C-alpha atoms as a PDB file:
ATOM      1  CA  MET A   1     -27.310  73.740  -8.670  1.00  0.00           C
ATOM      2  CA  PHE A   2     -26.854  71.354  -5.732  1.00  0.00           C
ATOM      3  CA  ILE A   3     -29.375  68.666  -4.946  1.00  0.00           C
ATOM      4  CA  LYS A   4     -29.105  67.238  -1.489  1.00  0.00           C
ATOM      5  CA  ASN A   5     -28.892  63.453  -1.380  1.00  0.00           C
ATOM      6  CA  LYS A   6     -31.932  61.908   0.215  1.00  0.00           C
ATOM      7  CA  PRO A   7     -31.558  58.710   2.215  1.00  0.00           C
ATOM      8  CA  LEU A   8     -32.956  55.677   0.475  1.00  0.00           C
ATOM      9  CA  LYS A   9     -36.006  54.106   1.987  1.00  0.00           C
ATOM     10  CA  LYS A  10     -35.351  50.844   3.774  1.00  0.00           C
ATOM     11  CA  HIS A  11     -36.350  47.945   1.550  1.00  0.00           C
ATOM     12  CA  GLN A  12     -39.617  46.479   2.771  1.00  0.00           C
ATOM     13  CA  MET A  13     -38.680  42.818   3.153  1.00  0.00           C
ATOM     14  CA  LYS A  14     -41.651  40.628   4.041  1.00  0.00           C
ATOM     15  CA  LEU A  15     -40.908  37.069   5.109  1.00  0.00           C
ATOM     16  CA  THR A  16     -43.159  34.116   5.760  1.00  0.00           C
ATOM     17  CA  ILE A  17     -42.091  31.502   8.271  1.00  0.00           C
ATOM     18  CA  TYR A  18     -43.596  28.151   9.136  1.00  0.00           C
ATOM     19  CA  THR A  19     -42.642  26.229  12.267  1.00  0.00           C
ATOM     20  CA  ASP A  20     -43.233  22.910  13.949  1.00  0.00           C
ATOM     21  CA  GLY A  21     -41.956  21.164  17.029  1.00  0.00           C
ATOM     22  CA  ALA A  22     -42.291  17.484  17.823  1.00  0.00           C
ATOM     23  CA  SER A  23     -41.479  15.180  20.688  1.00  0.00           C
ATOM     24  CA  ARG A  24     -41.808  11.445  20.958  1.00  0.00           C
ATOM     25  CA  ASN A  25     -43.295  10.940  24.392  1.00  0.00           C
ATOM     26  CA  ASN A  26     -43.967  14.035  26.403  1.00  0.00           C
ATOM     27  CA  PRO A  27     -41.322  14.894  27.442  1.00  0.00           C
ATOM     28  CA  GLY A  28     -39.173  12.878  25.108  1.00  0.00           C
ATOM     29  CA  LYS A  29     -36.718  13.104  22.247  1.00  0.00           C
ATOM     30  CA  ALA A  30     -37.648  16.265  20.405  1.00  0.00           C
ATOM     31  CA  ALA A  31     -36.950  18.103  17.172  1.00  0.00           C
ATOM     32  CA  ILE A  32     -37.807  21.435  15.620  1.00  0.00           C
ATOM     33  CA  ALA A  33     -38.252  22.578  12.062  1.00  0.00           C
ATOM     34  CA  TYR A  34     -38.759  25.842  10.238  1.00  0.00           C
ATOM     35  CA  ARG A  35     -39.231  27.107   6.708  1.00  0.00           C
ATOM     36  CA  ILE A  36     -38.544  30.674   5.547  1.00  0.00           C
ATOM     37  CA  GLU A  37     -39.967  32.109   2.325  1.00  0.00           C
ATOM     38  CA  ILE A  38     -39.859  35.436   0.515  1.00  0.00           C
ATOM     39  CA  GLU A  39     -42.866  35.996  -1.737  1.00  0.00           C
ATOM     40  CA  GLY A  40     -43.585  32.268  -1.811  1.00  0.00           C
ATOM     41  CA  LYS A  41     -40.010  31.299  -2.716  1.00  0.00           C
ATOM     42  CA  LEU A  42     -38.121  29.062  -0.329  1.00  0.00           C
ATOM     43  CA  ILE A  43     -34.933  30.623   1.010  1.00  0.00           C
ATOM     44  CA  GLU A  44     -34.252  28.224   3.880  1.00  0.00           C
ATOM     45  CA  GLU A  45     -35.663  25.206   5.672  1.00  0.00           C
ATOM     46  CA  LYS A  46     -34.225  22.971   8.341  1.00  0.00           C
ATOM     47  CA  GLY A  47     -35.116  20.307  10.859  1.00  0.00           C
ATOM     48  CA  GLU A  48     -32.908  19.501  13.831  1.00  0.00           C
ATOM     49  CA  TYR A  49     -32.859  17.367  16.960  1.00  0.00           C
ATOM     50  CA  ILE A  50     -32.905  19.414  20.183  1.00  0.00           C
ATOM     51  CA  GLY A  51     -32.717  16.772  22.929  1.00  0.00           C
ATOM     52  CA  ILE A  52     -35.300  15.803  25.530  1.00  0.00           C
ATOM     53  CA  THR A  53     -38.146  18.287  26.008  1.00  0.00           C
ATOM     54  CA  THR A  54     -41.928  18.620  25.878  1.00  0.00           C
ATOM     55  CA  ASN A  55     -43.883  19.087  22.676  1.00  0.00           C
ATOM     56  CA  ASN A  56     -44.951  22.613  23.698  1.00  0.00           C
ATOM     57  CA  GLN A  57     -41.366  23.635  24.453  1.00  0.00           C
ATOM     58  CA  ALA A  58     -40.337  22.247  21.054  1.00  0.00           C
ATOM     59  CA  GLU A  59     -43.012  24.394  19.365  1.00  0.00           C
ATOM     60  CA  TYR A  60     -41.645  27.514  21.089  1.00  0.00           C
ATOM     61  CA  LYS A  61     -38.027  26.597  20.300  1.00  0.00           C
ATOM     62  CA  ALA A  62     -38.908  26.108  16.626  1.00  0.00           C
ATOM     63  CA  LEU A  63     -40.262  29.658  16.493  1.00  0.00           C
ATOM     64  CA  ILE A  64     -37.184  31.013  18.280  1.00  0.00           C
ATOM     65  CA  LYS A  65     -34.854  29.327  15.779  1.00  0.00           C
ATOM     66  CA  ALA A  66     -36.943  30.538  12.821  1.00  0.00           C
ATOM     67  CA  LEU A  67     -36.955  34.125  14.096  1.00  0.00           C
ATOM     68  CA  LYS A  68     -33.180  34.080  14.623  1.00  0.00           C
ATOM     69  CA  GLU A  69     -32.626  32.856  11.070  1.00  0.00           C
ATOM     70  CA  ALA A  70     -35.243  35.207   9.583  1.00  0.00           C
ATOM     71  CA  LYS A  71     -33.648  38.245  11.269  1.00  0.00           C
ATOM     72  CA  LYS A  72     -30.474  37.628   9.240  1.00  0.00           C
ATOM     73  CA  HIS A  73     -32.460  38.864   6.206  1.00  0.00           C
ATOM     74  CA  ASN A  74     -33.399  42.183   7.911  1.00  0.00           C
ATOM     75  CA  PRO A  75     -37.147  41.815   7.388  1.00  0.00           C
ATOM     76  CA  SER A  76     -39.571  44.633   8.037  1.00  0.00           C
ATOM     77  CA  GLU A  77     -42.439  42.155   8.434  1.00  0.00           C
ATOM     78  CA  ILE A  78     -42.835  38.476   9.239  1.00  0.00           C
ATOM     79  CA  THR A  79     -45.939  36.341   9.004  1.00  0.00           C
ATOM     80  CA  HIS A  80     -45.611  33.174  11.066  1.00  0.00           C
ATOM     81  CA  TYR A  81     -47.762  30.075  10.613  1.00  0.00           C
ATOM     82  CA  SER A  82     -48.036  27.177  13.054  1.00  0.00           C
ATOM     83  CA  ASP A  83     -50.509  24.406  13.780  1.00  0.00           C
ATOM     84  CA  SER A  84     -49.894  24.822  17.531  1.00  0.00           C
ATOM     85  CA  GLN A  85     -52.888  26.718  18.828  1.00  0.00           C
ATOM     86  CA  LEU A  86     -51.277  26.937  22.273  1.00  0.00           C
ATOM     87  CA  LEU A  87     -48.152  28.602  20.857  1.00  0.00           C
ATOM     88  CA  ILE A  88     -50.083  31.113  18.758  1.00  0.00           C
ATOM     89  CA  LYS A  89     -52.603  32.044  21.454  1.00  0.00           C
ATOM     90  CA  GLN A  90     -49.901  32.421  24.129  1.00  0.00           C
ATOM     91  CA  VAL A  91     -47.420  34.369  21.994  1.00  0.00           C
ATOM     92  CA  THR A  92     -50.131  36.816  20.910  1.00  0.00           C
ATOM     93  CA  GLY A  93     -51.290  37.266  24.510  1.00  0.00           C
ATOM     94  CA  GLU A  94     -54.756  35.814  23.931  1.00  0.00           C
ATOM     95  CA  TRP A  95     -54.015  33.039  26.455  1.00  0.00           C
ATOM     96  CA  LYS A  96     -51.955  33.307  29.636  1.00  0.00           C
ATOM     97  CA  VAL A  97     -48.694  31.391  29.886  1.00  0.00           C
ATOM     98  CA  LYS A  98     -48.865  29.285  33.044  1.00  0.00           C
ATOM     99  CA  GLU A  99     -45.681  27.223  32.724  1.00  0.00           C
ATOM    100  CA  GLU A 100     -42.483  29.012  33.808  1.00  0.00           C
ATOM    101  CA  LYS A 101     -40.287  27.506  31.072  1.00  0.00           C
ATOM    102  CA  LEU A 102     -42.763  28.536  28.365  1.00  0.00           C
ATOM    103  CA  GLN A 103     -42.845  32.075  29.792  1.00  0.00           C
ATOM    104  CA  GLU A 104     -39.042  32.238  29.489  1.00  0.00           C
ATOM    105  CA  LEU A 105     -39.288  31.078  25.873  1.00  0.00           C
ATOM    106  CA  LYS A 106     -42.075  33.585  25.155  1.00  0.00           C
ATOM    107  CA  ASP A 107     -39.914  36.388  26.580  1.00  0.00           C
ATOM    108  CA  GLU A 108     -37.119  35.352  24.213  1.00  0.00           C
ATOM    109  CA  ILE A 109     -39.536  35.435  21.270  1.00  0.00           C
ATOM    110  CA  LEU A 110     -40.718  38.930  22.189  1.00  0.00           C
ATOM    111  CA  LYS A 111     -37.103  40.152  22.307  1.00  0.00           C
ATOM    112  CA  LEU A 112     -36.423  38.653  18.877  1.00  0.00           C
ATOM    113  CA  GLU A 113     -39.530  40.354  17.468  1.00  0.00           C
ATOM    114  CA  ASN A 114     -38.421  43.780  18.667  1.00  0.00           C
ATOM    115  CA  GLY A 115     -38.420  46.235  15.743  1.00  0.00           C
ATOM    116  CA  ILE A 116     -40.167  43.850  13.348  1.00  0.00           C
ATOM    117  CA  LYS A 117     -43.880  43.676  12.623  1.00  0.00           C
ATOM    118  CA  VAL A 118     -44.758  40.021  13.303  1.00  0.00           C
ATOM    119  CA  ARG A 119     -48.149  38.430  12.750  1.00  0.00           C
ATOM    120  CA  HIS A 120     -48.812  34.935  14.134  1.00  0.00           C
ATOM    121  CA  GLU A 121     -51.461  32.768  12.490  1.00  0.00           C
ATOM    122  CA  HIS A 122     -52.841  29.421  13.569  1.00  0.00           C
ATOM    123  CA  VAL A 123     -53.394  27.072  10.616  1.00  0.00           C
ATOM    124  CA  ARG A 124     -54.507  23.497  10.242  1.00  0.00           C
ATOM    125  CA  ARG A 125     -51.964  20.709  10.253  1.00  0.00           C
ATOM    126  CA  ASN A 126     -52.519  20.140   6.514  1.00  0.00           C
ATOM    127  CA  ASN A 127     -51.123  23.593   5.618  1.00  0.00           C
ATOM    128  CA  ILE A 128     -48.389  22.888   3.050  1.00  0.00           C
ATOM    129  CA  GLY A 129     -45.678  24.839   4.910  1.00  0.00           C
ATOM    130  CA  VAL A 130     -46.535  23.287   8.272  1.00  0.00           C
ATOM    131  CA  THR A 131     -46.741  19.817   6.710  1.00  0.00           C
ATOM    132  CA  ARG A 132     -43.217  20.296   5.347  1.00  0.00           C
ATOM    133  CA  CYS A 133     -41.958  21.376   8.782  1.00  0.00           C
ATOM    134  CA  ASP A 134     -43.608  18.338  10.375  1.00  0.00           C
ATOM    135  CA  GLU A 135     -41.786  16.155   7.854  1.00  0.00           C
ATOM    136  CA  LEU A 136     -38.436  17.861   8.571  1.00  0.00           C
ATOM    137  CA  ALA A 137     -38.868  17.521  12.351  1.00  0.00           C
ATOM    138  CA  ASN A 138     -39.821  13.853  12.082  1.00  0.00           C
ATOM    139  CA  ASN A 139     -36.887  13.159   9.755  1.00  0.00           C
ATOM    140  CA  ALA A 140     -34.554  14.687  12.374  1.00  0.00           C
ATOM    141  CA  LEU A 141     -36.112  12.446  15.044  1.00  0.00           C
ATOM    142  CA  ASP A 142     -35.866   9.383  12.801  1.00  0.00           C
ATOM    143  CA  LYS A 143     -32.120   9.952  12.352  1.00  0.00           C
ATOM    144  CA  ILE A 144     -31.630  10.004  16.131  1.00  0.00           C
ATOM    145  CA  THR A 145     -33.781   6.947  16.859  1.00  0.00           C
ATOM    146  CA  ARG A 146     -31.991   4.868  14.207  1.00  0.00           C
ATOM    147  CA  LYS A 147     -28.634   5.361  15.914  1.00  0.00           C
END
């Protein structure tokens, strides 16, 4: 008797990401930070200086970096949390994007999301994941300003 091999179902990997962007002055020296978790367990977090930009652009760039890193894990779903209401409302299409640079960044985000179910949630600044990202972004800025 021959039993035909059936393809295995793709593993349903669900990731959670938290992001934050910060700039000192607006525009000013800016940093981004992200945190990636699987089932509440940290798999990666990072804060980095990104140069001179606005706070809103930093928020978008933080999400872009987080999505690029998250995609390396081949997730089927991502839940993203941010305290930037502007970012969340614009990325989900609830608010229009009026600034050209932000529209370019939004387009990049939509390309990165292609093929992945992504849910964006606005949370308060005191959310533990967002608080950690804020700390990472500010630490990256502190390193630059001390030089």
